[in-house]
Amino acid sequence: ALAGQTMKKIRYCRSNGSAKIEDLATDLNGLTWALDHCGLLSPELSSEILALMRSLGRAKDVEMASSDRPPPTVIEKIAPEDHPGDAPMLRYELPEMVCVHKPAGWEVDNQDAGGGPWMSAWLMEQYTIEQVPICHYEEHQFGMVQRLDIPSSGLVLVGKTWEGFYTLKWQLQTGNITRDSLLLVHKWVDLDGR
């Protein structure tokens, strides 16, 4: 009942424009996570939420395609001498999303947590604002759905459209995307953690 009322309220706010699209998507994302983790997310409700998330994404794509969109986030370009070794690499690209290999030493956002070059700057070099606007906006994590620590390498999912971004977020919240980690060590690791 609560989920139904929440969905009704989100649809109402969307229809009368009383809330921003990204705020509604964030609320839906939180609702999805909560219901899934409580075991209350039925397949029907999950499909209904996904359809609404995609609809919000399409509306945001239209909004951001206009010439009067807000100015993009300004990020320093990456100087070649700042590369910690390998550069990120596009591994798989679809019209709405892309999978990028993040090498060790790169940061997954522009919150300076350790001095590595920012994946956001690399994404902005790959895609112009006309091609992939979401990659130029920090408030949408530059389209990146998840983080990886600086010393780690691995795959990062990036929405190229808001519809793709919200779809990936839904998949992450419902467990349709899982993450596995592999730790490679040299020498023995003591069982007591020292």
C-alpha atoms as a PDB file:
ATOM      1  CA  ALA A   1       0.000   0.000   0.000  1.00  0.00           C
ATOM      2  CA  LEU A   2       2.809   2.408   0.905  1.00  0.00           C
ATOM      3  CA  ALA A   3       4.629   1.659  -2.359  1.00  0.00           C
ATOM      4  CA  GLY A   4       1.432   2.288  -4.319  1.00  0.00           C
ATOM      5  CA  GLN A   5       0.888   5.624  -2.574  1.00  0.00           C
ATOM      6  CA  THR A   6       4.502   6.609  -3.197  1.00  0.00           C
ATOM      7  CA  MET A   7       4.200   5.754  -6.888  1.00  0.00           C
ATOM      8  CA  LYS A   8       0.957   7.760  -7.059  1.00  0.00           C
ATOM      9  CA  LYS A   9       2.657  10.765  -5.419  1.00  0.00           C
ATOM     10  CA  ILE A  10       5.651  10.558  -7.792  1.00  0.00           C
ATOM     11  CA  ARG A  11       3.336  10.414 -10.832  1.00  0.00           C
ATOM     12  CA  TYR A  12       1.350  13.372  -9.475  1.00  0.00           C
ATOM     13  CA  CYS A  13       4.522  15.449  -8.913  1.00  0.00           C
ATOM     14  CA  ARG A  14       5.719  14.537 -12.407  1.00  0.00           C
ATOM     15  CA  SER A  15       2.428  15.501 -14.056  1.00  0.00           C
ATOM     16  CA  ASN A  16       2.179  18.908 -12.400  1.00  0.00           C
ATOM     17  CA  GLY A  17       5.914  19.696 -12.514  1.00  0.00           C
ATOM     18  CA  SER A  18       6.160  20.288  -8.750  1.00  0.00           C
ATOM     19  CA  ALA A  19       9.410  18.307  -8.447  1.00  0.00           C
ATOM     20  CA  LYS A  20      12.538  18.041 -10.544  1.00  0.00           C
ATOM     21  CA  ILE A  21      12.910  14.916 -12.668  1.00  0.00           C
ATOM     22  CA  GLU A  22      16.174  13.905 -11.006  1.00  0.00           C
ATOM     23  CA  ASP A  23      14.589  14.238  -7.531  1.00  0.00           C
ATOM     24  CA  LEU A  24      11.745  11.955  -8.563  1.00  0.00           C
ATOM     25  CA  ALA A  25      14.232   9.451 -10.004  1.00  0.00           C
ATOM     26  CA  THR A  26      16.239   9.555  -6.758  1.00  0.00           C
ATOM     27  CA  ASP A  27      13.062   8.896  -4.755  1.00  0.00           C
ATOM     28  CA  LEU A  28      12.169   5.974  -7.031  1.00  0.00           C
ATOM     29  CA  ASN A  29      15.691   4.616  -6.733  1.00  0.00           C
ATOM     30  CA  GLY A  30      15.453   4.699  -2.934  1.00  0.00           C
ATOM     31  CA  LEU A  31      12.003   3.098  -2.986  1.00  0.00           C
ATOM     32  CA  THR A  32      13.310   0.334  -5.245  1.00  0.00           C
ATOM     33  CA  TRP A  33      16.257  -0.387  -2.954  1.00  0.00           C
ATOM     34  CA  ALA A  34      14.126  -0.399   0.197  1.00  0.00           C
ATOM     35  CA  LEU A  35      11.411  -2.641  -1.237  1.00  0.00           C
ATOM     36  CA  ASP A  36      13.936  -5.055  -2.744  1.00  0.00           C
ATOM     37  CA  HIS A  37      15.931  -5.359   0.474  1.00  0.00           C
ATOM     38  CA  CYS A  38      12.755  -5.947   2.501  1.00  0.00           C
ATOM     39  CA  GLY A  39      11.635  -8.650   0.084  1.00  0.00           C
ATOM     40  CA  LEU A  40       8.544  -6.630  -0.876  1.00  0.00           C
ATOM     41  CA  LEU A  41       9.418  -5.750  -4.480  1.00  0.00           C
ATOM     42  CA  SER A  42       7.103  -7.857  -6.624  1.00  0.00           C
ATOM     43  CA  PRO A  43       7.980  -8.452 -10.281  1.00  0.00           C
ATOM     44  CA  GLU A  44       4.962  -6.362 -11.298  1.00  0.00           C
ATOM     45  CA  LEU A  45       5.914  -3.383  -9.128  1.00  0.00           C
ATOM     46  CA  SER A  46       9.540  -3.694 -10.216  1.00  0.00           C
ATOM     47  CA  SER A  47       8.478  -3.502 -13.874  1.00  0.00           C
ATOM     48  CA  GLU A  48       6.218  -0.542 -13.103  1.00  0.00           C
ATOM     49  CA  ILE A  49       9.079   1.292 -11.364  1.00  0.00           C
ATOM     50  CA  LEU A  50      11.456   0.546 -14.242  1.00  0.00           C
ATOM     51  CA  ALA A  51       8.947   1.903 -16.765  1.00  0.00           C
ATOM     52  CA  LEU A  52       8.547   5.085 -14.724  1.00  0.00           C
ATOM     53  CA  MET A  53      12.335   5.443 -14.296  1.00  0.00           C
ATOM     54  CA  ARG A  54      12.821   5.092 -18.055  1.00  0.00           C
ATOM     55  CA  SER A  55      10.048   7.614 -18.698  1.00  0.00           C
ATOM     56  CA  LEU A  56      11.723  10.093 -16.337  1.00  0.00           C
ATOM     57  CA  GLY A  57      15.027   9.444 -18.126  1.00  0.00           C
ATOM     58  CA  ARG A  58      13.522  10.151 -21.534  1.00  0.00           C
ATOM     59  CA  ALA A  59      11.999  13.387 -20.209  1.00  0.00           C
ATOM     60  CA  LYS A  60      15.383  14.435 -18.792  1.00  0.00           C
ATOM     61  CA  ASP A  61      17.068  13.577 -22.119  1.00  0.00           C
ATOM     62  CA  VAL A  62      14.640  15.894 -23.911  1.00  0.00           C
ATOM     63  CA  GLU A  63      15.138  18.629 -21.298  1.00  0.00           C
ATOM     64  CA  MET A  64      18.937  18.458 -21.554  1.00  0.00           C
ATOM     65  CA  ALA A  65      18.998  18.346 -25.362  1.00  0.00           C
ATOM     66  CA  SER A  66      17.765  21.934 -25.514  1.00  0.00           C
ATOM     67  CA  SER A  67      20.125  24.840 -26.034  1.00  0.00           C
ATOM     68  CA  ASP A  68      19.059  26.434 -22.741  1.00  0.00           C
ATOM     69  CA  ARG A  69      20.322  23.561 -20.590  1.00  0.00           C
ATOM     70  CA  PRO A  70      22.377  24.567 -17.533  1.00  0.00           C
ATOM     71  CA  PRO A  71      26.110  25.085 -18.017  1.00  0.00           C
ATOM     72  CA  PRO A  72      28.137  21.886 -17.683  1.00  0.00           C
ATOM     73  CA  THR A  73      30.586  21.141 -14.898  1.00  0.00           C
ATOM     74  CA  VAL A  74      34.085  22.404 -15.675  1.00  0.00           C
ATOM     75  CA  ILE A  75      36.801  19.815 -15.085  1.00  0.00           C
ATOM     76  CA  GLU A  76      40.520  20.206 -15.704  1.00  0.00           C
ATOM     77  CA  LYS A  77      41.743  18.324 -18.744  1.00  0.00           C
ATOM     78  CA  ILE A  78      44.103  15.460 -18.084  1.00  0.00           C
ATOM     79  CA  ALA A  79      47.691  16.227 -18.968  1.00  0.00           C
ATOM     80  CA  PRO A  80      49.556  13.232 -20.410  1.00  0.00           C
ATOM     81  CA  GLU A  81      52.107  13.441 -17.595  1.00  0.00           C
ATOM     82  CA  ASP A  82      49.279  13.006 -15.073  1.00  0.00           C
ATOM     83  CA  HIS A  83      48.327   9.570 -16.406  1.00  0.00           C
ATOM     84  CA  PRO A  84      49.270   6.889 -13.870  1.00  0.00           C
ATOM     85  CA  GLY A  85      49.997   4.408 -16.674  1.00  0.00           C
ATOM     86  CA  ASP A  86      47.227   2.895 -18.720  1.00  0.00           C
ATOM     87  CA  ALA A  87      44.344   5.052 -19.883  1.00  0.00           C
ATOM     88  CA  PRO A  88      40.707   3.992 -19.473  1.00  0.00           C
ATOM     89  CA  MET A  89      39.288   2.012 -22.360  1.00  0.00           C
ATOM     90  CA  LEU A  90      35.795   1.615 -23.792  1.00  0.00           C
ATOM     91  CA  ARG A  91      35.009  -2.093 -23.492  1.00  0.00           C
ATOM     92  CA  TYR A  92      31.425  -2.239 -24.726  1.00  0.00           C
ATOM     93  CA  GLU A  93      29.193   0.494 -26.075  1.00  0.00           C
ATOM     94  CA  LEU A  94      25.429   0.600 -26.545  1.00  0.00           C
ATOM     95  CA  PRO A  95      23.305   3.595 -27.590  1.00  0.00           C
ATOM     96  CA  GLU A  96      22.227   4.342 -23.977  1.00  0.00           C
ATOM     97  CA  MET A  97      25.174   3.066 -21.950  1.00  0.00           C
ATOM     98  CA  VAL A  98      28.820   2.109 -22.065  1.00  0.00           C
ATOM     99  CA  CYS A  99      31.124  -0.147 -20.087  1.00  0.00           C
ATOM    100  CA  VAL A 100      34.548   1.407 -19.419  1.00  0.00           C
ATOM    101  CA  HIS A 101      37.638  -0.316 -18.059  1.00  0.00           C
ATOM    102  CA  LYS A 102      39.113   1.847 -15.281  1.00  0.00           C
ATOM    103  CA  PRO A 103      42.799   1.183 -14.736  1.00  0.00           C
ATOM    104  CA  ALA A 104      44.341   1.430 -11.291  1.00  0.00           C
ATOM    105  CA  GLY A 105      45.265   4.984 -10.322  1.00  0.00           C
ATOM    106  CA  TRP A 106      42.184   6.694 -11.772  1.00  0.00           C
ATOM    107  CA  GLU A 107      39.400   8.278  -9.666  1.00  0.00           C
ATOM    108  CA  VAL A 108      35.765   7.520 -10.479  1.00  0.00           C
ATOM    109  CA  ASP A 109      34.524  11.054  -9.842  1.00  0.00           C
ATOM    110  CA  ASN A 110      35.882  14.522  -9.315  1.00  0.00           C
ATOM    111  CA  GLN A 111      35.893  14.429  -5.517  1.00  0.00           C
ATOM    112  CA  ASP A 112      39.631  14.467  -5.031  1.00  0.00           C
ATOM    113  CA  ALA A 113      40.227  11.453  -2.828  1.00  0.00           C
ATOM    114  CA  GLY A 114      43.785  10.628  -3.678  1.00  0.00           C
ATOM    115  CA  GLY A 115      45.259  12.586  -6.524  1.00  0.00           C
ATOM    116  CA  GLY A 116      44.534  10.308  -9.455  1.00  0.00           C
ATOM    117  CA  PRO A 117      43.195  11.669 -12.740  1.00  0.00           C
ATOM    118  CA  TRP A 118      39.425  11.797 -12.911  1.00  0.00           C
ATOM    119  CA  MET A 119      37.363   9.416 -15.005  1.00  0.00           C
ATOM    120  CA  SER A 120      34.909  12.288 -15.517  1.00  0.00           C
ATOM    121  CA  ALA A 121      37.580  14.285 -17.380  1.00  0.00           C
ATOM    122  CA  TRP A 122      38.357  11.256 -19.532  1.00  0.00           C
ATOM    123  CA  LEU A 123      34.651  10.756 -20.326  1.00  0.00           C
ATOM    124  CA  MET A 124      34.337  14.417 -21.311  1.00  0.00           C
ATOM    125  CA  GLU A 125      37.234  13.942 -23.731  1.00  0.00           C
ATOM    126  CA  GLN A 126      35.490  10.923 -25.275  1.00  0.00           C
ATOM    127  CA  TYR A 127      32.044  12.519 -25.652  1.00  0.00           C
ATOM    128  CA  THR A 128      31.124  16.113 -26.425  1.00  0.00           C
ATOM    129  CA  ILE A 129      28.231  17.692 -24.558  1.00  0.00           C
ATOM    130  CA  GLU A 130      26.175  17.455 -27.750  1.00  0.00           C
ATOM    131  CA  GLN A 131      26.848  13.715 -28.061  1.00  0.00           C
ATOM    132  CA  VAL A 132      26.459  12.658 -24.416  1.00  0.00           C
ATOM    133  CA  PRO A 133      25.329  15.529 -22.184  1.00  0.00           C
ATOM    134  CA  ILE A 134      25.097  13.476 -18.965  1.00  0.00           C
ATOM    135  CA  CYS A 135      28.879  12.920 -18.956  1.00  0.00           C
ATOM    136  CA  HIS A 136      29.285  16.667 -18.414  1.00  0.00           C
ATOM    137  CA  TYR A 137      27.149  17.017 -15.264  1.00  0.00           C
ATOM    138  CA  GLU A 138      28.488  16.274 -11.801  1.00  0.00           C
ATOM    139  CA  GLU A 139      25.029  16.187 -10.188  1.00  0.00           C
ATOM    140  CA  HIS A 140      24.431  13.019 -12.227  1.00  0.00           C
ATOM    141  CA  GLN A 141      27.816  11.495 -11.367  1.00  0.00           C
ATOM    142  CA  PHE A 142      28.898  12.184 -14.958  1.00  0.00           C
ATOM    143  CA  GLY A 143      26.743   9.184 -15.877  1.00  0.00           C
ATOM    144  CA  MET A 144      28.835   6.764 -13.815  1.00  0.00           C
ATOM    145  CA  VAL A 145      26.671   4.331 -11.892  1.00  0.00           C
ATOM    146  CA  GLN A 146      29.161   2.981  -9.371  1.00  0.00           C
ATOM    147  CA  ARG A 147      32.593   3.686  -7.901  1.00  0.00           C
ATOM    148  CA  LEU A 148      35.856   1.797  -7.764  1.00  0.00           C
ATOM    149  CA  ASP A 149      38.647   2.695  -5.375  1.00  0.00           C
ATOM    150  CA  ILE A 150      41.685   4.421  -6.867  1.00  0.00           C
ATOM    151  CA  PRO A 151      44.066   1.443  -6.464  1.00  0.00           C
ATOM    152  CA  SER A 152      41.515  -0.875  -8.107  1.00  0.00           C
ATOM    153  CA  SER A 153      41.012  -1.611 -11.751  1.00  0.00           C
ATOM    154  CA  GLY A 154      37.765  -2.867 -13.183  1.00  0.00           C
ATOM    155  CA  LEU A 155      34.641  -2.108 -15.155  1.00  0.00           C
ATOM    156  CA  VAL A 156      32.561   1.018 -14.623  1.00  0.00           C
ATOM    157  CA  LEU A 157      29.068   1.324 -16.078  1.00  0.00           C
ATOM    158  CA  VAL A 158      28.161   4.708 -17.530  1.00  0.00           C
ATOM    159  CA  GLY A 159      24.788   5.909 -18.737  1.00  0.00           C
ATOM    160  CA  LYS A 160      25.138   7.820 -22.017  1.00  0.00           C
ATOM    161  CA  THR A 161      21.564   9.058 -21.683  1.00  0.00           C
ATOM    162  CA  TRP A 162      19.508   9.758 -18.593  1.00  0.00           C
ATOM    163  CA  GLU A 163      17.242   6.889 -19.605  1.00  0.00           C
ATOM    164  CA  GLY A 164      20.279   4.591 -19.697  1.00  0.00           C
ATOM    165  CA  PHE A 165      21.601   5.998 -16.405  1.00  0.00           C
ATOM    166  CA  TYR A 166      18.280   5.512 -14.584  1.00  0.00           C
ATOM    167  CA  THR A 167      17.927   2.011 -16.072  1.00  0.00           C
ATOM    168  CA  LEU A 168      21.390   1.058 -14.802  1.00  0.00           C
ATOM    169  CA  LYS A 169      20.568   2.513 -11.370  1.00  0.00           C
ATOM    170  CA  TRP A 170      17.386   0.404 -11.253  1.00  0.00           C
ATOM    171  CA  GLN A 171      19.355  -2.705 -12.251  1.00  0.00           C
ATOM    172  CA  LEU A 172      21.895  -2.040  -9.499  1.00  0.00           C
ATOM    173  CA  GLN A 173      19.182  -1.512  -6.846  1.00  0.00           C
ATOM    174  CA  THR A 174      17.292  -4.683  -7.814  1.00  0.00           C
ATOM    175  CA  GLY A 175      20.370  -6.900  -7.928  1.00  0.00           C
ATOM    176  CA  ASN A 176      20.200  -7.372 -11.693  1.00  0.00           C
ATOM    177  CA  ILE A 177      23.773  -6.113 -11.801  1.00  0.00           C
ATOM    178  CA  THR A 178      26.173  -7.771  -9.420  1.00  0.00           C
ATOM    179  CA  ARG A 179      29.767  -6.966  -8.656  1.00  0.00           C
ATOM    180  CA  ASP A 180      32.447  -9.523  -8.042  1.00  0.00           C
ATOM    181  CA  SER A 181      35.910  -8.684  -6.799  1.00  0.00           C
ATOM    182  CA  LEU A 182      39.137 -10.572  -7.129  1.00  0.00           C
ATOM    183  CA  LEU A 183      42.063  -9.793  -4.880  1.00  0.00           C
ATOM    184  CA  LEU A 184      45.520 -10.715  -6.095  1.00  0.00           C
ATOM    185  CA  VAL A 185      48.249 -10.698  -3.474  1.00  0.00           C
ATOM    186  CA  HIS A 186      51.939 -11.458  -3.461  1.00  0.00           C
ATOM    187  CA  LYS A 187      53.260 -13.525  -0.544  1.00  0.00           C
ATOM    188  CA  TRP A 188      51.217 -15.113   2.211  1.00  0.00           C
ATOM    189  CA  VAL A 189      48.600 -13.171   4.138  1.00  0.00           C
ATOM    190  CA  ASP A 190      48.441 -14.066   7.838  1.00  0.00           C
ATOM    191  CA  LEU A 191      45.028 -15.152   9.041  1.00  0.00           C
ATOM    192  CA  ASP A 192      45.139 -12.621  11.887  1.00  0.00           C
ATOM    193  CA  GLY A 193      45.290  -9.787   9.301  1.00  0.00           C
ATOM    194  CA  ARG A 194      48.869  -8.617   9.970  1.00  0.00           C
END
